[in-house]
Amino acid sequence: MHAVVVWWDLEGSGQTVESLRGFLRDEAVDRFSRAEGLRLKFWISDTAAQRWGAVLLWESAEAAAAPLPSRAAELIGRPPSVRLAFDVEATAEGVHTVAALAGRGIALETPAG
């Protein structure tokens, strides 16, 4: 397994954490739900610092290396400020009450507006 972390500093980009939530609702979540070899992607934000990013867990380094259109980079106007890739040493899934992760998060659980 392979993990990738991407992070943007939104200052001066014309985008905000709030404006990018619509992008998640309208297109990104659905598109990444069909990505071959992607086990999990979750988008992360720091509203106070206006930082935006994602953590992706891939089945393999090869799957992670496949080209993906970066609509976020297009909207933000530049590539991520930080892009880190890691080999995954181990995974664990704890005891939980939420059956599935799909459809969770601020952008999907708060009404658009």
C-alpha atoms as a PDB file:
ATOM      1  CA  MET A   1       0.000   0.000   0.000  1.00  0.00           C
ATOM      2  CA  HIS A   2       1.025   3.585  -0.633  1.00  0.00           C
ATOM      3  CA  ALA A   3      -0.104   6.883   0.923  1.00  0.00           C
ATOM      4  CA  VAL A   4       0.046  10.360  -0.604  1.00  0.00           C
ATOM      5  CA  VAL A   5      -0.554  13.656   1.196  1.00  0.00           C
ATOM      6  CA  VAL A   6      -1.153  16.874  -0.760  1.00  0.00           C
ATOM      7  CA  TRP A   7      -1.584  20.315   0.768  1.00  0.00           C
ATOM      8  CA  TRP A   8      -2.283  23.816  -0.585  1.00  0.00           C
ATOM      9  CA  ASP A   9      -1.869  27.185   1.094  1.00  0.00           C
ATOM     10  CA  LEU A  10      -4.877  29.003  -0.391  1.00  0.00           C
ATOM     11  CA  GLU A  11      -3.632  32.546   0.300  1.00  0.00           C
ATOM     12  CA  GLY A  12      -3.758  34.629  -2.869  1.00  0.00           C
ATOM     13  CA  SER A  13      -5.420  31.839  -4.866  1.00  0.00           C
ATOM     14  CA  GLY A  14      -8.921  33.303  -5.048  1.00  0.00           C
ATOM     15  CA  GLN A  15     -10.227  30.115  -3.392  1.00  0.00           C
ATOM     16  CA  THR A  16     -11.171  29.416   0.215  1.00  0.00           C
ATOM     17  CA  VAL A  17     -11.926  26.272   2.163  1.00  0.00           C
ATOM     18  CA  GLU A  18     -15.598  27.209   1.912  1.00  0.00           C
ATOM     19  CA  SER A  19     -15.515  27.727  -1.861  1.00  0.00           C
ATOM     20  CA  LEU A  20     -13.810  24.376  -2.409  1.00  0.00           C
ATOM     21  CA  ARG A  21     -16.560  22.509  -0.552  1.00  0.00           C
ATOM     22  CA  GLY A  22     -18.854  22.982  -3.546  1.00  0.00           C
ATOM     23  CA  PHE A  23     -16.175  21.405  -5.755  1.00  0.00           C
ATOM     24  CA  LEU A  24     -16.255  18.339  -3.499  1.00  0.00           C
ATOM     25  CA  ARG A  25     -20.058  18.096  -3.581  1.00  0.00           C
ATOM     26  CA  ASP A  26     -20.359  18.781  -7.310  1.00  0.00           C
ATOM     27  CA  GLU A  27     -17.590  16.660  -8.779  1.00  0.00           C
ATOM     28  CA  ALA A  28     -14.543  15.530  -6.806  1.00  0.00           C
ATOM     29  CA  VAL A  29     -16.074  12.953  -4.467  1.00  0.00           C
ATOM     30  CA  ASP A  30     -17.913  11.232  -7.296  1.00  0.00           C
ATOM     31  CA  ARG A  31     -14.888  11.230  -9.622  1.00  0.00           C
ATOM     32  CA  PHE A  32     -12.476   9.824  -7.045  1.00  0.00           C
ATOM     33  CA  SER A  33     -15.023   7.167  -6.054  1.00  0.00           C
ATOM     34  CA  ARG A  34     -14.273   5.591  -9.446  1.00  0.00           C
ATOM     35  CA  ALA A  35     -10.439   5.841  -9.313  1.00  0.00           C
ATOM     36  CA  GLU A  36      -8.745   2.501  -9.973  1.00  0.00           C
ATOM     37  CA  GLY A  37      -6.563   1.327  -7.090  1.00  0.00           C
ATOM     38  CA  LEU A  38      -7.673   4.043  -4.657  1.00  0.00           C
ATOM     39  CA  ARG A  39      -8.717   2.546  -1.320  1.00  0.00           C
ATOM     40  CA  LEU A  40      -9.563   5.787   0.459  1.00  0.00           C
ATOM     41  CA  LYS A  41      -9.299   9.512  -0.094  1.00  0.00           C
ATOM     42  CA  PHE A  42     -10.203  12.070   2.488  1.00  0.00           C
ATOM     43  CA  TRP A  43      -9.992  15.790   2.031  1.00  0.00           C
ATOM     44  CA  ILE A  44      -8.682  17.894   4.915  1.00  0.00           C
ATOM     45  CA  SER A  45      -8.859  21.593   5.707  1.00  0.00           C
ATOM     46  CA  ASP A  46      -7.738  24.225   8.171  1.00  0.00           C
ATOM     47  CA  THR A  47     -10.275  27.031   7.805  1.00  0.00           C
ATOM     48  CA  ALA A  48      -8.440  29.441  10.138  1.00  0.00           C
ATOM     49  CA  ALA A  49      -5.187  29.140   8.146  1.00  0.00           C
ATOM     50  CA  GLN A  50      -6.956  28.646   4.768  1.00  0.00           C
ATOM     51  CA  ARG A  51      -5.143  25.397   3.994  1.00  0.00           C
ATOM     52  CA  TRP A  52      -6.677  22.613   1.931  1.00  0.00           C
ATOM     53  CA  GLY A  53      -5.515  19.139   1.056  1.00  0.00           C
ATOM     54  CA  ALA A  54      -6.130  15.441   0.868  1.00  0.00           C
ATOM     55  CA  VAL A  55      -4.777  12.126   2.073  1.00  0.00           C
ATOM     56  CA  LEU A  56      -4.966   9.240  -0.392  1.00  0.00           C
ATOM     57  CA  LEU A  57      -4.456   5.570   0.388  1.00  0.00           C
ATOM     58  CA  TRP A  58      -3.600   3.494  -2.686  1.00  0.00           C
ATOM     59  CA  GLU A  59      -3.354  -0.262  -3.191  1.00  0.00           C
ATOM     60  CA  SER A  60       0.167   0.179  -4.599  1.00  0.00           C
ATOM     61  CA  ALA A  61       2.794   2.736  -5.571  1.00  0.00           C
ATOM     62  CA  GLU A  62       1.967   1.930  -9.196  1.00  0.00           C
ATOM     63  CA  ALA A  63      -1.686   2.847  -8.676  1.00  0.00           C
ATOM     64  CA  ALA A  64      -0.628   6.069  -6.934  1.00  0.00           C
ATOM     65  CA  ALA A  65       1.625   6.968  -9.885  1.00  0.00           C
ATOM     66  CA  ALA A  66      -1.206   6.808 -12.434  1.00  0.00           C
ATOM     67  CA  PRO A  67      -1.946  10.271 -13.809  1.00  0.00           C
ATOM     68  CA  LEU A  68      -5.066  11.917 -12.435  1.00  0.00           C
ATOM     69  CA  PRO A  69      -6.506  15.180 -13.653  1.00  0.00           C
ATOM     70  CA  SER A  70      -5.946  17.735 -10.916  1.00  0.00           C
ATOM     71  CA  ARG A  71      -9.049  19.849 -11.001  1.00  0.00           C
ATOM     72  CA  ALA A  72      -8.199  21.188  -7.531  1.00  0.00           C
ATOM     73  CA  ALA A  73      -4.873  22.526  -8.844  1.00  0.00           C
ATOM     74  CA  GLU A  74      -6.756  24.082 -11.754  1.00  0.00           C
ATOM     75  CA  LEU A  75      -9.253  25.796  -9.421  1.00  0.00           C
ATOM     76  CA  ILE A  76      -6.553  26.914  -6.982  1.00  0.00           C
ATOM     77  CA  GLY A  77      -4.266  28.016  -9.807  1.00  0.00           C
ATOM     78  CA  ARG A  78      -1.160  26.096  -8.822  1.00  0.00           C
ATOM     79  CA  PRO A  79       0.074  22.640  -7.835  1.00  0.00           C
ATOM     80  CA  PRO A  80       0.042  21.643  -4.157  1.00  0.00           C
ATOM     81  CA  SER A  81       2.412  23.497  -1.826  1.00  0.00           C
ATOM     82  CA  VAL A  82       3.342  20.097  -0.379  1.00  0.00           C
ATOM     83  CA  ARG A  83       3.165  16.623  -1.904  1.00  0.00           C
ATOM     84  CA  LEU A  84       4.520  13.713   0.116  1.00  0.00           C
ATOM     85  CA  ALA A  85       4.404  10.005  -0.679  1.00  0.00           C
ATOM     86  CA  PHE A  86       4.927   7.159   1.770  1.00  0.00           C
ATOM     87  CA  ASP A  87       5.065   3.387   1.868  1.00  0.00           C
ATOM     88  CA  VAL A  88       2.438   2.074   4.283  1.00  0.00           C
ATOM     89  CA  GLU A  89       4.012  -0.068   6.984  1.00  0.00           C
ATOM     90  CA  ALA A  90       0.788  -1.336   8.555  1.00  0.00           C
ATOM     91  CA  THR A  91      -2.923  -0.628   8.747  1.00  0.00           C
ATOM     92  CA  ALA A  92      -5.513  -1.070  11.461  1.00  0.00           C
ATOM     93  CA  GLU A  93      -9.203  -0.417  11.611  1.00  0.00           C
ATOM     94  CA  GLY A  94     -10.603   0.289  15.041  1.00  0.00           C
ATOM     95  CA  VAL A  95     -13.973  -0.516  16.542  1.00  0.00           C
ATOM     96  CA  HIS A  96     -16.544   1.913  15.173  1.00  0.00           C
ATOM     97  CA  THR A  97     -20.267   2.498  14.874  1.00  0.00           C
ATOM     98  CA  VAL A  98     -20.320   4.193  11.453  1.00  0.00           C
ATOM     99  CA  ALA A  99     -20.735   1.469   8.837  1.00  0.00           C
ATOM    100  CA  ALA A 100     -19.241   3.288   5.852  1.00  0.00           C
ATOM    101  CA  LEU A 101     -17.015   6.303   5.320  1.00  0.00           C
ATOM    102  CA  ALA A 102     -18.508   7.287   1.962  1.00  0.00           C
ATOM    103  CA  GLY A 103     -20.630  10.409   2.142  1.00  0.00           C
ATOM    104  CA  ARG A 104     -19.118  11.736   5.376  1.00  0.00           C
ATOM    105  CA  GLY A 105     -17.533  15.120   6.076  1.00  0.00           C
ATOM    106  CA  ILE A 106     -18.392  18.782   6.381  1.00  0.00           C
ATOM    107  CA  ALA A 107     -18.772  19.370   2.637  1.00  0.00           C
ATOM    108  CA  LEU A 108     -21.271  16.533   2.251  1.00  0.00           C
ATOM    109  CA  GLU A 109     -23.128  16.784   5.551  1.00  0.00           C
ATOM    110  CA  THR A 110     -23.811  20.539   5.505  1.00  0.00           C
ATOM    111  CA  PRO A 111     -26.364  22.046   3.158  1.00  0.00           C
ATOM    112  CA  ALA A 112     -24.865  23.955   0.232  1.00  0.00           C
ATOM    113  CA  GLY A 113     -25.329  27.663   0.463  1.00  0.00           C
END
